[in-house]
Each structure stands twice: as structure tokens, then as C-alpha cells.
């Protein structure tokens, strides 16, 4: 599995990835992080590109494998 370092996710991208893994939708993430919906979508695209993720499941896997979120929280 790739480390957060290897993927070069920004701190904000990590936050967005964690919220996505927890099941939040783009709009909820935007509200929670006080950023625009467009910004969330951009972060999401960048996360997908950096992780070479094909789906949300890949993001969830990354977040869990790197210990960014406890499986119990999902």
C-alpha cells in the first residue's frame, strides 16, 4: 500500500479523503471544511489521480491502510 508520503496528498486532501471514507457527500464535506463544493470536487479529482484510484472504495482502502481513520469509525 502507498504511504501518505508516497502519494503526496496535501493535508487538505487527506481531510477530504477521510470524510469521503466516512461516507460524507461532497456538499457535506464542503460545509464541514468551510470550502466551496467546486473545491471539494477538485480535491476529490486530485486524490483520485494521485492514488490512481478507480473508485471511492480505493480511497477508503487507502485511508484505512494508512491508519488515517479507524475501521470502527466507518
Protein backbone atom coordinates (compact mmCIF):
# COMPACT_ATOMS: atom_id res chain seq x y z
CA UNK A 1 0.00 0.00 0.00
CA UNK A 2 1.17 3.51 -0.61
CA UNK A 3 2.02 5.77 2.30
CA UNK A 4 0.60 9.26 2.62
CA UNK A 5 4.12 10.41 1.79
CA UNK A 6 4.33 8.41 -1.44
CA UNK A 7 1.02 9.71 -2.67
CA UNK A 8 1.91 13.32 -1.81
CA UNK A 9 -1.59 14.14 -0.66
CA UNK A 10 -1.86 17.60 0.85
CA UNK A 11 -3.17 17.94 4.38
CA UNK A 12 -6.49 19.16 2.94
CA UNK A 13 -6.71 16.23 0.52
CA UNK A 14 -6.15 13.87 3.45
CA UNK A 15 -9.03 15.58 5.32
CA UNK A 16 -11.30 15.24 2.28
CA UNK A 17 -10.29 11.59 1.76
CA UNK A 18 -11.10 10.79 5.40
CA UNK A 19 -14.53 12.43 5.17
CA UNK A 20 -15.24 10.59 1.90
CA UNK A 21 -14.27 7.33 3.58
CA UNK A 22 -16.68 8.12 6.41
CA UNK A 23 -19.49 8.39 3.89
CA UNK A 24 -19.95 12.14 3.65
CA UNK A 25 -21.15 13.50 0.32
CA UNK A 26 -19.38 16.39 -1.45
CA UNK A 27 -21.84 19.02 -0.17
CA UNK A 28 -21.45 17.87 3.46
CA UNK A 29 -17.66 17.94 3.13
CA UNK A 30 -17.82 21.46 1.72
CA UNK A 31 -19.97 22.60 4.66
CA UNK A 32 -17.81 20.87 7.26
CA UNK A 33 -14.50 22.22 5.93
CA UNK A 34 -15.96 25.64 5.02
CA UNK A 35 -14.88 25.36 1.40
CA UNK A 36 -16.88 25.51 -1.83
CA UNK A 37 -18.43 22.48 -3.47
CA UNK A 38 -16.22 23.08 -6.52
CA UNK A 39 -13.14 22.94 -4.30
CA UNK A 40 -14.26 19.60 -2.83
CA UNK A 41 -14.77 18.19 -6.32
CA UNK A 42 -11.30 19.41 -7.34
CA UNK A 43 -9.71 17.84 -4.24
CA UNK A 44 -11.59 14.63 -4.95
CA UNK A 45 -10.31 14.53 -8.53
CA UNK A 46 -6.75 15.22 -7.36
CA UNK A 47 -6.99 12.46 -4.73
CA UNK A 48 -8.23 10.00 -7.36
CA UNK A 49 -5.36 10.97 -9.68
CA UNK A 50 -2.66 10.85 -7.02
CA UNK A 51 -3.81 7.49 -5.63
CA UNK A 52 -4.58 6.16 -9.11
CA UNK A 53 -7.92 5.27 -7.55
CA UNK A 54 -10.69 3.96 -9.77
CA UNK A 55 -13.46 4.33 -7.21
CA UNK A 56 -14.39 5.57 -3.76
CA UNK A 57 -13.59 2.07 -2.50
CA UNK A 58 -9.93 2.65 -3.42
CA UNK A 59 -9.91 5.88 -1.40
CA UNK A 60 -11.48 4.10 1.60
CA UNK A 61 -8.86 1.35 1.33
CA UNK A 62 -6.05 3.92 1.21
CA UNK A 63 -7.37 5.80 4.25
CA UNK A 64 -7.74 2.60 6.30
CA UNK A 65 -4.43 1.02 5.20
CA UNK A 66 -2.56 4.17 6.16
CA UNK A 67 -4.19 4.37 9.56
CA UNK A 68 -5.78 7.75 8.80
CA UNK A 69 -9.09 6.51 10.14
CA UNK A 70 -10.05 3.63 12.40
CA UNK A 71 -12.19 0.96 10.71
CA UNK A 72 -14.54 1.28 13.67
CA UNK A 73 -15.29 4.86 12.67
CA UNK A 74 -16.53 3.87 9.22
